Each structure stands twice: as structure tokens, then as C-alpha cells.
C-alpha atoms as a PDB file:
ATOM      1  CA  MET A   1       6.985  14.068  -5.285  1.00  0.00           C
ATOM      2  CA  TRP A   2      10.541  14.083  -6.554  1.00  0.00           C
ATOM      3  CA  THR A   3      12.200  13.675  -3.154  1.00  0.00           C
ATOM      4  CA  ILE A   4      13.600  10.579  -1.486  1.00  0.00           C
ATOM      5  CA  LEU A   5      11.387  11.252   1.551  1.00  0.00           C
ATOM      6  CA  PHE A   6       8.267  11.088  -0.614  1.00  0.00           C
ATOM      7  CA  TRP A   7       9.250   7.716  -2.085  1.00  0.00           C
ATOM      8  CA  LYS A   8      10.267   6.300   1.311  1.00  0.00           C
ATOM      9  CA  ALA A   9       6.879   7.255   2.741  1.00  0.00           C
ATOM     10  CA  ALA A  10       5.060   5.913  -0.327  1.00  0.00           C
ATOM     11  CA  ALA A  11       7.001   2.629  -0.119  1.00  0.00           C
ATOM     12  CA  GLU A  12       6.198   2.286   3.578  1.00  0.00           C
ATOM     13  CA  ARG A  13       2.498   2.793   2.856  1.00  0.00           C
ATOM     14  CA  ALA A  14       2.579   0.294  -0.017  1.00  0.00           C
ATOM     15  CA  ILE A  15       4.321  -2.373   2.084  1.00  0.00           C
ATOM     16  CA  LYS A  16       1.846  -1.902   4.931  1.00  0.00           C
ATOM     17  CA  THR A  17      -1.110  -2.045   2.551  1.00  0.00           C
ATOM     18  CA  GLY A  18       0.196  -5.180   0.855  1.00  0.00           C
ATOM     19  CA  ALA A  19       0.846  -6.922   4.176  1.00  0.00           C
ATOM     20  CA  GLN A  20      -2.565  -5.965   5.554  1.00  0.00           C
ATOM     21  CA  SER A  21      -4.283  -7.164   2.395  1.00  0.00           C
ATOM     22  CA  LEU A  22      -2.420 -10.470   2.485  1.00  0.00           C
ATOM     23  CA  ALA A  23      -3.355 -10.983   6.140  1.00  0.00           C
ATOM     24  CA  ALA A  24      -7.001 -10.163   5.429  1.00  0.00           C
ATOM     25  CA  ILE A  25      -7.189 -12.514   2.449  1.00  0.00           C
ATOM     26  CA  LEU A  26      -5.544 -15.412   4.264  1.00  0.00           C
ATOM     27  CA  SER A  27      -7.652 -14.986   7.398  1.00  0.00           C
ATOM     28  CA  ALA A  28     -10.856 -14.682   5.349  1.00  0.00           C
ATOM     29  CA  GLU A  29     -10.066 -18.001   3.672  1.00  0.00           C
ATOM     30  CA  ALA A  30      -9.747 -19.627   7.122  1.00  0.00           C
ATOM     31  CA  VAL A  31      -7.330 -22.258   5.842  1.00  0.00           C
ATOM     32  CA  GLY A  32      -3.969 -23.482   7.044  1.00  0.00           C
ATOM     33  CA  LEU A  33      -0.761 -21.985   5.695  1.00  0.00           C
ATOM     34  CA  LEU A  34      -0.054 -25.047   3.585  1.00  0.00           C
ATOM     35  CA  ASP A  35      -3.545 -25.053   2.068  1.00  0.00           C
ATOM     36  CA  ALA A  36      -3.738 -21.319   1.406  1.00  0.00           C
ATOM     37  CA  PRO A  37      -4.211 -20.084  -2.177  1.00  0.00           C
ATOM     38  CA  TRP A  38      -0.829 -18.342  -2.142  1.00  0.00           C
ATOM     39  CA  GLY A  39      -0.802 -17.359  -5.806  1.00  0.00           C
ATOM     40  CA  ALA A  40      -4.107 -15.555  -5.659  1.00  0.00           C
ATOM     41  CA  ALA A  41      -3.417 -14.062  -2.235  1.00  0.00           C
ATOM     42  CA  LEU A  42      -0.003 -12.680  -3.223  1.00  0.00           C
ATOM     43  CA  SER A  43      -1.414 -11.377  -6.492  1.00  0.00           C
ATOM     44  CA  ALA A  44      -4.178  -9.478  -4.705  1.00  0.00           C
ATOM     45  CA  ALA A  45      -1.764  -8.138  -2.075  1.00  0.00           C
ATOM     46  CA  GLY A  46       0.623  -7.010  -4.810  1.00  0.00           C
ATOM     47  CA  MET A  47      -2.189  -5.214  -6.606  1.00  0.00           C
ATOM     48  CA  ALA A  48      -3.132  -3.479  -3.346  1.00  0.00           C
ATOM     49  CA  ALA A  49       0.479  -2.316  -2.939  1.00  0.00           C
ATOM     50  CA  VAL A  50       0.582  -0.994  -6.515  1.00  0.00           C
ATOM     51  CA  LEU A  51      -2.708   0.845  -5.994  1.00  0.00           C
ATOM     52  CA  SER A  52      -1.272   2.343  -2.802  1.00  0.00           C
ATOM     53  CA  VAL A  53       1.662   3.799  -4.753  1.00  0.00           C
ATOM     54  CA  ILE A  54      -0.706   5.136  -7.426  1.00  0.00           C
ATOM     55  CA  THR A  55      -2.827   6.736  -4.706  1.00  0.00           C
ATOM     56  CA  SER A  56       0.281   8.286  -3.148  1.00  0.00           C
ATOM     57  CA  VAL A  57       1.296   9.812  -6.478  1.00  0.00           C
ATOM     58  CA  GLY A  58      -2.254  11.034  -7.096  1.00  0.00           C
ATOM     59  CA  SER A  59      -2.381  12.580  -3.636  1.00  0.00           C
ATOM     60  CA  THR A  60       0.290  15.120  -4.544  1.00  0.00           C
ATOM     61  CA  ALA A  61      -2.342  17.091  -6.461  1.00  0.00           C
ATOM     62  CA  VAL A  62      -4.548  17.345  -3.359  1.00  0.00           C
ATOM     63  CA  GLY A  63      -2.309  17.512  -0.306  1.00  0.00           C
ATOM     64  CA  ASP A  64       1.282  18.583   0.200  1.00  0.00           C
ATOM     65  CA  SER A  65       3.175  17.843  -3.024  1.00  0.00           C
ATOM     66  CA  SER A  66       6.209  16.648  -1.054  1.00  0.00           C
ATOM     67  CA  SER A  67       4.178  14.024   0.829  1.00  0.00           C
ATOM     68  CA  PRO A  68       2.105  10.995  -0.237  1.00  0.00           C
ATOM     69  CA  SER A  69      -0.597  12.073   2.216  1.00  0.00           C
ATOM     70  CA  LEU A  70      -3.893  13.736   1.330  1.00  0.00           C
ATOM     71  CA  VAL A  71      -3.486  15.936   4.412  1.00  0.00           C
ATOM     72  CA  ARG A  72      -1.693  19.263   4.228  1.00  0.00           C
ATOM     73  CA  PHE A  73       0.800  19.663   7.055  1.00  0.00           C
ATOM     74  CA  LEU A  74       0.977  23.072   8.650  1.00  0.00           C
ATOM     75  CA  PRO A  75       4.387  24.211   9.943  1.00  0.00           C
END
């Protein structure tokens, strides 16, 4: 967990999760970009990204401690 590779992978996962959440929220609203509830949508996407990082940190107790994944990688 204390390596740069861990935090790069965790950041990548958080960014993907945030972007996917934002896309899902905006498409579920079925509104135009100018009419979208941007404050609420960005808030929810940000929370999803934060939860992704928390999950990555919590995953070190289950999977490989040098990876944010729940899966153990075999050499």
C-alpha cells in the first residue's frame, strides 16, 4: 500500500469510477447538458471516487497488499 504503483492504480480506479458514475447520473436524468443538475451529479461522482479509494485501501487486507485489487496475483 505504501508504493507509488499502488496509489497510481488506486487513482486510476477512482477516476474511472467517478467518470462512470457521472455518466450514469447524467444519462439517467435524461436532460440536456445545460439543464443537468451539475452540483448534485458532481457531488455523487466525487463520493463514488472517494469510496473507490477507500475500497482500494481496504482491499490490501484481502488481496495482494501492494495492489488495490481484491485478487491475489500469482507470479
